[in-house]
């Protein structure tokens, strides 16, 4: 099985995810652990110009995989003009 994130993107994506999570879900007071997450994010990285071949989709999120799957289904429905009215993402 391939690695979840390509090696050349791994450090930058993890650094960005940590920064995004800290900004969207900061600690209640500086120096304290972060509380319950209120905002989720999904960062996707992919190569341009693959002509439909050999492209790799890398993503990182602060959400559970199930929530990401719901998000992707909702995005697909919106792109197709059929926005869903329910979901967790």
PDB file of N, CA and C in Angstrom:
ATOM      1  N   UNK A   1       0.841  -1.178   0.000  1.00  0.00           N
ATOM      2  CA  UNK A   1       0.000   0.000   0.000  1.00  0.00           C
ATOM      3  C   UNK A   1       0.888   1.243   0.000  1.00  0.00           C
ATOM      4  N   UNK A   2       0.495   2.228  -0.761  1.00  0.00           N
ATOM      5  CA  UNK A   2       1.258   3.472  -0.848  1.00  0.00           C
ATOM      6  C   UNK A   2       1.123   4.270   0.446  1.00  0.00           C
ATOM      7  N   UNK A   3       2.109   5.094   0.684  1.00  0.00           N
ATOM      8  CA  UNK A   3       2.058   5.985   1.848  1.00  0.00           C
ATOM      9  C   UNK A   3       0.885   6.947   1.683  1.00  0.00           C
ATOM     10  N   UNK A   4       0.247   7.358   2.792  1.00  0.00           N
ATOM     11  CA  UNK A   4      -0.905   8.259   2.709  1.00  0.00           C
ATOM     12  C   UNK A   4      -0.578   9.604   2.054  1.00  0.00           C
ATOM     13  N   UNK A   5       0.627  10.110   2.286  1.00  0.00           N
ATOM     14  CA  UNK A   5       1.058  11.374   1.697  1.00  0.00           C
ATOM     15  C   UNK A   5       2.409  11.141   1.047  1.00  0.00           C
ATOM     16  N   UNK A   6       2.572  11.626  -0.167  1.00  0.00           N
ATOM     17  CA  UNK A   6       3.847  11.481  -0.855  1.00  0.00           C
ATOM     18  C   UNK A   6       4.958  12.134  -0.039  1.00  0.00           C
ATOM     19  N   UNK A   7       6.133  11.512  -0.004  1.00  0.00           N
ATOM     20  CA  UNK A   7       7.223  12.016   0.838  1.00  0.00           C
ATOM     21  C   UNK A   7       7.568  13.486   0.619  1.00  0.00           C
ATOM     22  N   UNK A   8       7.526  13.956  -0.629  1.00  0.00           N
ATOM     23  CA  UNK A   8       7.907  15.344  -0.889  1.00  0.00           C
ATOM     24  C   UNK A   8       6.905  16.354  -0.330  1.00  0.00           C
ATOM     25  N   UNK A   9       5.694  15.904   0.015  1.00  0.00           N
ATOM     26  CA  UNK A   9       4.666  16.803   0.561  1.00  0.00           C
ATOM     27  C   UNK A   9       4.439  16.589   2.057  1.00  0.00           C
ATOM     28  N   UNK A  10       4.988  15.521   2.603  1.00  0.00           N
ATOM     29  CA  UNK A  10       4.647  15.093   3.958  1.00  0.00           C
ATOM     30  C   UNK A  10       4.901  16.166   5.021  1.00  0.00           C
ATOM     31  N   UNK A  11       6.107  16.703   5.105  1.00  0.00           N
ATOM     32  CA  UNK A  11       6.430  17.672   6.152  1.00  0.00           C
ATOM     33  C   UNK A  11       5.608  18.949   6.007  1.00  0.00           C
ATOM     34  N   UNK A  12       5.530  19.488   4.793  1.00  0.00           N
ATOM     35  CA  UNK A  12       4.794  20.736   4.601  1.00  0.00           C
ATOM     36  C   UNK A  12       3.309  20.560   4.929  1.00  0.00           C
ATOM     37  N   UNK A  13       2.727  19.449   4.501  1.00  0.00           N
ATOM     38  CA  UNK A  13       1.309  19.230   4.774  1.00  0.00           C
ATOM     39  C   UNK A  13       1.060  19.071   6.276  1.00  0.00           C
ATOM     40  N   UNK A  14       1.937  18.348   6.969  1.00  0.00           N
ATOM     41  CA  UNK A  14       1.775  18.200   8.409  1.00  0.00           C
ATOM     42  C   UNK A  14       1.953  19.527   9.132  1.00  0.00           C
ATOM     43  N   UNK A  15       2.951  20.322   8.708  1.00  0.00           N
ATOM     44  CA  UNK A  15       3.150  21.645   9.310  1.00  0.00           C
ATOM     45  C   UNK A  15       1.931  22.532   9.098  1.00  0.00           C
ATOM     46  N   UNK A  16       1.406  22.543   7.868  1.00  0.00           N
ATOM     47  CA  UNK A  16       0.218  23.351   7.571  1.00  0.00           C
ATOM     48  C   UNK A  16      -0.996  22.872   8.368  1.00  0.00           C
ATOM     49  N   UNK A  17      -1.167  21.554   8.470  1.00  0.00           N
ATOM     50  CA  UNK A  17      -2.303  21.017   9.224  1.00  0.00           C
ATOM     51  C   UNK A  17      -2.224  21.420  10.687  1.00  0.00           C
ATOM     52  N   UNK A  18      -1.050  21.339  11.255  1.00  0.00           N
ATOM     53  CA  UNK A  18      -0.870  21.746  12.655  1.00  0.00           C
ATOM     54  C   UNK A  18      -1.205  23.229  12.830  1.00  0.00           C
ATOM     55  N   UNK A  19      -0.723  24.058  11.908  1.00  0.00           N
ATOM     56  CA  UNK A  19      -0.989  25.503  11.966  1.00  0.00           C
ATOM     57  C   UNK A  19      -2.485  25.798  11.792  1.00  0.00           C
ATOM     58  N   UNK A  20      -3.107  25.172  10.806  1.00  0.00           N
ATOM     59  CA  UNK A  20      -4.541  25.390  10.576  1.00  0.00           C
ATOM     60  C   UNK A  20      -5.370  24.968  11.776  1.00  0.00           C
ATOM     61  N   UNK A  21      -5.079  23.796  12.326  1.00  0.00           N
ATOM     62  CA  UNK A  21      -5.836  23.311  13.469  1.00  0.00           C
ATOM     63  C   UNK A  21      -5.673  24.257  14.655  1.00  0.00           C
ATOM     64  N   UNK A  22      -4.453  24.737  14.869  1.00  0.00           N
ATOM     65  CA  UNK A  22      -4.214  25.669  15.966  1.00  0.00           C
ATOM     66  C   UNK A  22      -4.948  26.985  15.795  1.00  0.00           C
ATOM     67  N   UNK A  23      -5.084  27.437  14.552  1.00  0.00           N
ATOM     68  CA  UNK A  23      -5.780  28.702  14.306  1.00  0.00           C
ATOM     69  C   UNK A  23      -7.303  28.551  14.361  1.00  0.00           C
ATOM     70  N   UNK A  24      -7.800  27.455  13.810  1.00  0.00           N
ATOM     71  CA  UNK A  24      -9.247  27.231  13.839  1.00  0.00           C
ATOM     72  C   UNK A  24      -9.738  26.762  15.205  1.00  0.00           C
ATOM     73  N   UNK A  25      -8.901  26.061  15.943  1.00  0.00           N
ATOM     74  CA  UNK A  25      -9.292  25.456  17.218  1.00  0.00           C
ATOM     75  C   UNK A  25      -8.240  25.749  18.287  1.00  0.00           C
ATOM     76  N   UNK A  26      -8.086  27.026  18.633  1.00  0.00           N
ATOM     77  CA  UNK A  26      -7.031  27.381  19.589  1.00  0.00           C
ATOM     78  C   UNK A  26      -7.382  26.935  21.010  1.00  0.00           C
ATOM     79  N   UNK A  27      -6.368  26.898  21.875  1.00  0.00           N
ATOM     80  CA  UNK A  27      -6.650  26.636  23.297  1.00  0.00           C
ATOM     81  C   UNK A  27      -7.527  27.751  23.861  1.00  0.00           C
ATOM     82  N   UNK A  28      -8.277  27.439  24.886  1.00  0.00           N
ATOM     83  CA  UNK A  28      -9.117  28.452  25.524  1.00  0.00           C
ATOM     84  C   UNK A  28      -8.235  29.560  26.097  1.00  0.00           C
ATOM     85  N   UNK A  29      -7.145  29.191  26.719  1.00  0.00           N
ATOM     86  CA  UNK A  29      -6.161  30.139  27.236  1.00  0.00           C
ATOM     87  C   UNK A  29      -4.781  29.733  26.737  1.00  0.00           C
ATOM     88  N   UNK A  30      -3.921  30.710  26.410  1.00  0.00           N
ATOM     89  CA  UNK A  30      -2.581  30.364  25.947  1.00  0.00           C
ATOM     90  C   UNK A  30      -1.865  29.440  26.931  1.00  0.00           C
ATOM     91  N   UNK A  31      -1.176  28.451  26.393  1.00  0.00           N
ATOM     92  CA  UNK A  31      -0.417  27.523  27.218  1.00  0.00           C
ATOM     93  C   UNK A  31      -1.205  26.309  27.677  1.00  0.00           C
ATOM     94  N   UNK A  32      -2.521  26.318  27.510  1.00  0.00           N
ATOM     95  CA  UNK A  32      -3.346  25.176  27.897  1.00  0.00           C
ATOM     96  C   UNK A  32      -3.590  24.279  26.688  1.00  0.00           C
ATOM     97  N   UNK A  33      -3.891  23.008  26.916  1.00  0.00           N
ATOM     98  CA  UNK A  33      -4.201  22.130  25.783  1.00  0.00           C
ATOM     99  C   UNK A  33      -5.423  22.641  25.031  1.00  0.00           C
ATOM    100  N   UNK A  34      -5.462  22.315  23.747  1.00  0.00           N
ATOM    101  CA  UNK A  34      -6.594  22.705  22.915  1.00  0.00           C
ATOM    102  C   UNK A  34      -7.840  21.975  23.396  1.00  0.00           C
ATOM    103  N   UNK A  35      -8.949  22.680  23.388  1.00  0.00           N
ATOM    104  CA  UNK A  35     -10.214  22.073  23.787  1.00  0.00           C
ATOM    105  C   UNK A  35     -10.816  21.272  22.646  1.00  0.00           C
ATOM    106  N   UNK A  36     -12.087  20.982  22.760  1.00  0.00           N
ATOM    107  CA  UNK A  36     -12.790  20.230  21.731  1.00  0.00           C
ATOM    108  C   UNK A  36     -12.775  21.007  20.421  1.00  0.00           C
ATOM    109  N   UNK A  37     -12.536  20.303  19.325  1.00  0.00           N
ATOM    110  CA  UNK A  37     -12.512  20.961  18.014  1.00  0.00           C
ATOM    111  C   UNK A  37     -13.913  21.414  17.641  1.00  0.00           C
ATOM    112  N   UNK A  38     -13.988  22.643  17.138  1.00  0.00           N
ATOM    113  CA  UNK A  38     -15.254  23.194  16.662  1.00  0.00           C
ATOM    114  C   UNK A  38     -15.275  23.302  15.144  1.00  0.00           C
ATOM    115  N   UNK A  39     -14.092  23.386  14.529  1.00  0.00           N
ATOM    116  CA  UNK A  39     -13.988  23.604  13.092  1.00  0.00           C
ATOM    117  C   UNK A  39     -13.082  22.557  12.470  1.00  0.00           C
ATOM    118  N   UNK A  40     -13.573  21.943  11.413  1.00  0.00           N
ATOM    119  CA  UNK A  40     -12.779  20.962  10.695  1.00  0.00           C
ATOM    120  C   UNK A  40     -12.189  21.566   9.428  1.00  0.00           C
ATOM    121  N   UNK A  41     -11.124  20.941   8.937  1.00  0.00           N
ATOM    122  CA  UNK A  41     -10.543  21.361   7.670  1.00  0.00           C
ATOM    123  C   UNK A  41     -10.071  20.130   6.905  1.00  0.00           C
ATOM    124  N   UNK A  42      -9.870  20.342   5.625  1.00  0.00           N
ATOM    125  CA  UNK A  42      -9.436  19.301   4.701  1.00  0.00           C
ATOM    126  C   UNK A  42      -8.506  19.974   3.702  1.00  0.00           C
ATOM    127  N   UNK A  43      -7.252  19.573   3.675  1.00  0.00           N
ATOM    128  CA  UNK A  43      -6.258  20.141   2.762  1.00  0.00           C
ATOM    129  C   UNK A  43      -5.907  19.087   1.729  1.00  0.00           C
ATOM    130  N   UNK A  44      -6.112  19.407   0.460  1.00  0.00           N
ATOM    131  CA  UNK A  44      -5.804  18.483  -0.628  1.00  0.00           C
ATOM    132  C   UNK A  44      -4.666  19.053  -1.472  1.00  0.00           C
ATOM    133  N   UNK A  45      -3.746  18.177  -1.853  1.00  0.00           N
ATOM    134  CA  UNK A  45      -2.613  18.547  -2.693  1.00  0.00           C
ATOM    135  C   UNK A  45      -2.533  17.534  -3.827  1.00  0.00           C
ATOM    136  N   UNK A  46      -2.376  18.043  -5.047  1.00  0.00           N
ATOM    137  CA  UNK A  46      -2.289  17.155  -6.206  1.00  0.00           C
ATOM    138  C   UNK A  46      -1.403  17.805  -7.255  1.00  0.00           C
ATOM    139  N   UNK A  47      -0.918  16.998  -8.188  1.00  0.00           N
ATOM    140  CA  UNK A  47      -0.073  17.482  -9.269  1.00  0.00           C
ATOM    141  C   UNK A  47      -0.936  17.914 -10.446  1.00  0.00           C
ATOM    142  N   UNK A  48      -0.568  19.032 -11.053  1.00  0.00           N
ATOM    143  CA  UNK A  48      -1.182  19.451 -12.300  1.00  0.00           C
ATOM    144  C   UNK A  48      -0.518  18.710 -13.459  1.00  0.00           C
ATOM    145  N   UNK A  49      -1.160  18.755 -14.625  1.00  0.00           N
ATOM    146  CA  UNK A  49      -0.571  18.254 -15.866  1.00  0.00           C
ATOM    147  C   UNK A  49      -0.248  16.767 -15.841  1.00  0.00           C
ATOM    148  N   UNK A  50      -1.137  15.967 -15.272  1.00  0.00           N
ATOM    149  CA  UNK A  50      -0.917  14.518 -15.324  1.00  0.00           C
ATOM    150  C   UNK A  50      -1.683  13.884 -16.477  1.00  0.00           C
ATOM    151  N   UNK A  51      -2.483  14.675 -17.194  1.00  0.00           N
ATOM    152  CA  UNK A  51      -3.271  14.172 -18.326  1.00  0.00           C
ATOM    153  C   UNK A  51      -4.105  12.954 -17.953  1.00  0.00           C
ATOM    154  N   UNK A  52      -4.559  12.932 -16.697  1.00  0.00           N
ATOM    155  CA  UNK A  52      -5.392  11.829 -16.253  1.00  0.00           C
ATOM    156  C   UNK A  52      -4.644  10.561 -15.925  1.00  0.00           C
ATOM    157  N   UNK A  53      -3.327  10.612 -15.967  1.00  0.00           N
ATOM    158  CA  UNK A  53      -2.532   9.419 -15.702  1.00  0.00           C
ATOM    159  C   UNK A  53      -1.489   9.695 -14.629  1.00  0.00           C
ATOM    160  N   UNK A  54      -1.363   8.775 -13.713  1.00  0.00           N
ATOM    161  CA  UNK A  54      -0.279   8.842 -12.747  1.00  0.00           C
ATOM    162  C   UNK A  54      -0.388   9.923 -11.700  1.00  0.00           C
ATOM    163  N   UNK A  55      -1.472  10.651 -11.679  1.00  0.00           N
ATOM    164  CA  UNK A  55      -1.630  11.700 -10.675  1.00  0.00           C
ATOM    165  C   UNK A  55      -1.862  11.113  -9.295  1.00  0.00           C
ATOM    166  N   UNK A  56      -1.447  11.831  -8.297  1.00  0.00           N
ATOM    167  CA  UNK A  56      -1.610  11.373  -6.919  1.00  0.00           C
ATOM    168  C   UNK A  56      -2.351  12.441  -6.140  1.00  0.00           C
ATOM    169  N   UNK A  57      -3.338  12.033  -5.391  1.00  0.00           N
ATOM    170  CA  UNK A  57      -4.148  12.904  -4.554  1.00  0.00           C
ATOM    171  C   UNK A  57      -3.696  12.704  -3.119  1.00  0.00           C
ATOM    172  N   UNK A  58      -3.166  13.762  -2.505  1.00  0.00           N
ATOM    173  CA  UNK A  58      -2.730  13.723  -1.111  1.00  0.00           C
ATOM    174  C   UNK A  58      -3.671  14.591  -0.299  1.00  0.00           C
ATOM    175  N   UNK A  59      -4.060  14.132   0.881  1.00  0.00           N
ATOM    176  CA  UNK A  59      -4.871  14.991   1.728  1.00  0.00           C
ATOM    177  C   UNK A  59      -4.505  14.784   3.185  1.00  0.00           C
ATOM    178  N   UNK A  60      -4.826  15.821   3.965  1.00  0.00           N
ATOM    179  CA  UNK A  60      -4.673  15.749   5.408  1.00  0.00           C
ATOM    180  C   UNK A  60      -5.836  16.529   6.005  1.00  0.00           C
ATOM    181  N   UNK A  61      -6.295  16.101   7.163  1.00  0.00           N
ATOM    182  CA  UNK A  61      -7.453  16.719   7.782  1.00  0.00           C
ATOM    183  C   UNK A  61      -7.369  16.554   9.294  1.00  0.00           C
ATOM    184  N   UNK A  62      -8.110  17.384   9.996  1.00  0.00           N
ATOM    185  CA  UNK A  62      -8.223  17.195  11.440  1.00  0.00           C
ATOM    186  C   UNK A  62      -9.501  16.432  11.776  1.00  0.00           C
ATOM    187  N   UNK A  63     -10.195  15.944  10.756  1.00  0.00           N
ATOM    188  CA  UNK A  63     -11.458  15.224  10.935  1.00  0.00           C
ATOM    189  C   UNK A  63     -11.236  13.724  10.802  1.00  0.00           C
ATOM    190  N   UNK A  64     -12.188  12.967  11.296  1.00  0.00           N
ATOM    191  CA  UNK A  64     -12.181  11.519  11.114  1.00  0.00           C
ATOM    192  C   UNK A  64     -12.421  11.190   9.640  1.00  0.00           C
ATOM    193  N   UNK A  65     -11.937  10.042   9.226  1.00  0.00           N
ATOM    194  CA  UNK A  65     -12.087   9.628   7.827  1.00  0.00           C
ATOM    195  C   UNK A  65     -13.562   9.599   7.407  1.00  0.00           C
ATOM    196  N   UNK A  66     -14.455   9.168   8.284  1.00  0.00           N
ATOM    197  CA  UNK A  66     -15.879   9.145   7.950  1.00  0.00           C
ATOM    198  C   UNK A  66     -16.394  10.547   7.639  1.00  0.00           C
ATOM    199  N   UNK A  67     -15.993  11.532   8.446  1.00  0.00           N
ATOM    200  CA  UNK A  67     -16.412  12.909   8.191  1.00  0.00           C
ATOM    201  C   UNK A  67     -15.872  13.409   6.849  1.00  0.00           C
ATOM    202  N   UNK A  68     -14.649  13.016   6.510  1.00  0.00           N
ATOM    203  CA  UNK A  68     -14.063  13.416   5.232  1.00  0.00           C
ATOM    204  C   UNK A  68     -14.833  12.780   4.081  1.00  0.00           C
ATOM    205  N   UNK A  69     -15.231  11.527   4.240  1.00  0.00           N
ATOM    206  CA  UNK A  69     -16.024  10.874   3.191  1.00  0.00           C
ATOM    207  C   UNK A  69     -17.346  11.600   2.972  1.00  0.00           C
ATOM    208  N   UNK A  70     -18.001  12.010   4.056  1.00  0.00           N
ATOM    209  CA  UNK A  70     -19.251  12.765   3.941  1.00  0.00           C
ATOM    210  C   UNK A  70     -18.989  14.089   3.229  1.00  0.00           C
ATOM    211  N   UNK A  71     -17.919  14.783   3.627  1.00  0.00           N
ATOM    212  CA  UNK A  71     -17.548  16.039   2.995  1.00  0.00           C
ATOM    213  C   UNK A  71     -17.358  15.871   1.496  1.00  0.00           C
ATOM    214  N   UNK A  72     -16.626  14.841   1.090  1.00  0.00           N
ATOM    215  CA  UNK A  72     -16.361  14.627  -0.331  1.00  0.00           C
ATOM    216  C   UNK A  72     -17.643  14.313  -1.101  1.00  0.00           C
ATOM    217  N   UNK A  73     -18.534  13.553  -0.493  1.00  0.00           N
ATOM    218  CA  UNK A  73     -19.824  13.292  -1.152  1.00  0.00           C
ATOM    219  C   UNK A  73     -20.618  14.580  -1.322  1.00  0.00           C
ATOM    220  N   UNK A  74     -20.625  15.428  -0.287  1.00  0.00           N
ATOM    221  CA  UNK A  74     -21.334  16.703  -0.371  1.00  0.00           C
ATOM    222  C   UNK A  74     -20.709  17.601  -1.438  1.00  0.00           C
ATOM    223  N   UNK A  75     -19.395  17.618  -1.518  1.00  0.00           N
ATOM    224  CA  UNK A  75     -18.729  18.420  -2.541  1.00  0.00           C
ATOM    225  C   UNK A  75     -19.093  17.924  -3.934  1.00  0.00           C
ATOM    226  N   UNK A  76     -19.075  16.623  -4.129  1.00  0.00           N
ATOM    227  CA  UNK A  76     -19.427  16.069  -5.425  1.00  0.00           C
ATOM    228  C   UNK A  76     -20.858  16.441  -5.801  1.00  0.00           C
ATOM    229  N   UNK A  77     -21.779  16.336  -4.850  1.00  0.00           N
ATOM    230  CA  UNK A  77     -23.176  16.688  -5.119  1.00  0.00           C
ATOM    231  C   UNK A  77     -23.301  18.168  -5.489  1.00  0.00           C
ATOM    232  N   UNK A  78     -22.575  19.018  -4.808  1.00  0.00           N
ATOM    233  CA  UNK A  78     -22.623  20.453  -5.126  1.00  0.00           C
ATOM    234  C   UNK A  78     -22.053  20.728  -6.506  1.00  0.00           C
ATOM    235  N   UNK A  79     -20.937  20.058  -6.841  1.00  0.00           N
ATOM    236  CA  UNK A  79     -20.342  20.242  -8.164  1.00  0.00           C
ATOM    237  C   UNK A  79     -21.301  19.775  -9.254  1.00  0.00           C
ATOM    238  N   UNK A  80     -22.116  18.785  -8.946  1.00  0.00           N
ATOM    239  CA  UNK A  80     -23.075  18.261  -9.911  1.00  0.00           C
ATOM    240  C   UNK A  80     -24.407  18.989  -9.835  1.00  0.00           C
ATOM    241  N   UNK A  81     -24.525  19.996  -8.957  1.00  0.00           N
ATOM    242  CA  UNK A  81     -25.741  20.791  -8.866  1.00  0.00           C
ATOM    243  C   UNK A  81     -26.837  20.151  -8.052  1.00  0.00           C
ATOM    244  N   UNK A  82     -26.494  19.214  -7.166  1.00  0.00           N
ATOM    245  CA  UNK A  82     -27.488  18.517  -6.358  1.00  0.00           C
ATOM    246  C   UNK A  82     -27.087  18.583  -4.897  1.00  0.00           C
ATOM    247  N   UNK A  83     -27.043  19.764  -4.335  1.00  0.00           N
ATOM    248  CA  UNK A  83     -26.569  19.916  -2.959  1.00  0.00           C
ATOM    249  C   UNK A  83     -27.391  19.078  -1.991  1.00  0.00           C
ATOM    250  N   UNK A  84     -26.699  18.358  -1.119  1.00  0.00           N
ATOM    251  CA  UNK A  84     -27.367  17.564  -0.088  1.00  0.00           C
ATOM    252  C   UNK A  84     -27.749  18.491   1.059  1.00  0.00           C
ATOM    253  N   UNK A  85     -28.773  18.105   1.791  1.00  0.00           N
ATOM    254  CA  UNK A  85     -29.226  18.934   2.901  1.00  0.00           C
ATOM    255  C   UNK A  85     -28.828  18.375   4.250  1.00  0.00           C
ATOM    256  N   UNK A  86     -28.207  17.204   4.282  1.00  0.00           N
ATOM    257  CA  UNK A  86     -27.798  16.646   5.564  1.00  0.00           C
ATOM    258  C   UNK A  86     -26.400  16.071   5.447  1.00  0.00           C
ATOM    259  N   UNK A  87     -25.799  15.829   6.581  1.00  0.00           N
ATOM    260  CA  UNK A  87     -24.457  15.282   6.627  1.00  0.00           C
ATOM    261  C   UNK A  87     -23.729  15.803   7.839  1.00  0.00           C
ATOM    262  N   UNK A  88     -22.553  15.263   8.084  1.00  0.00           N
ATOM    263  CA  UNK A  88     -21.795  15.654   9.263  1.00  0.00           C
ATOM    264  C   UNK A  88     -20.669  16.618   8.941  1.00  0.00           C
ATOM    265  N   UNK A  89     -20.277  16.729   7.673  1.00  0.00           N
ATOM    266  CA  UNK A  89     -19.125  17.569   7.332  1.00  0.00           C
ATOM    267  C   UNK A  89     -19.540  19.000   7.065  1.00  0.00           C
TER     268      UNK A  89
END
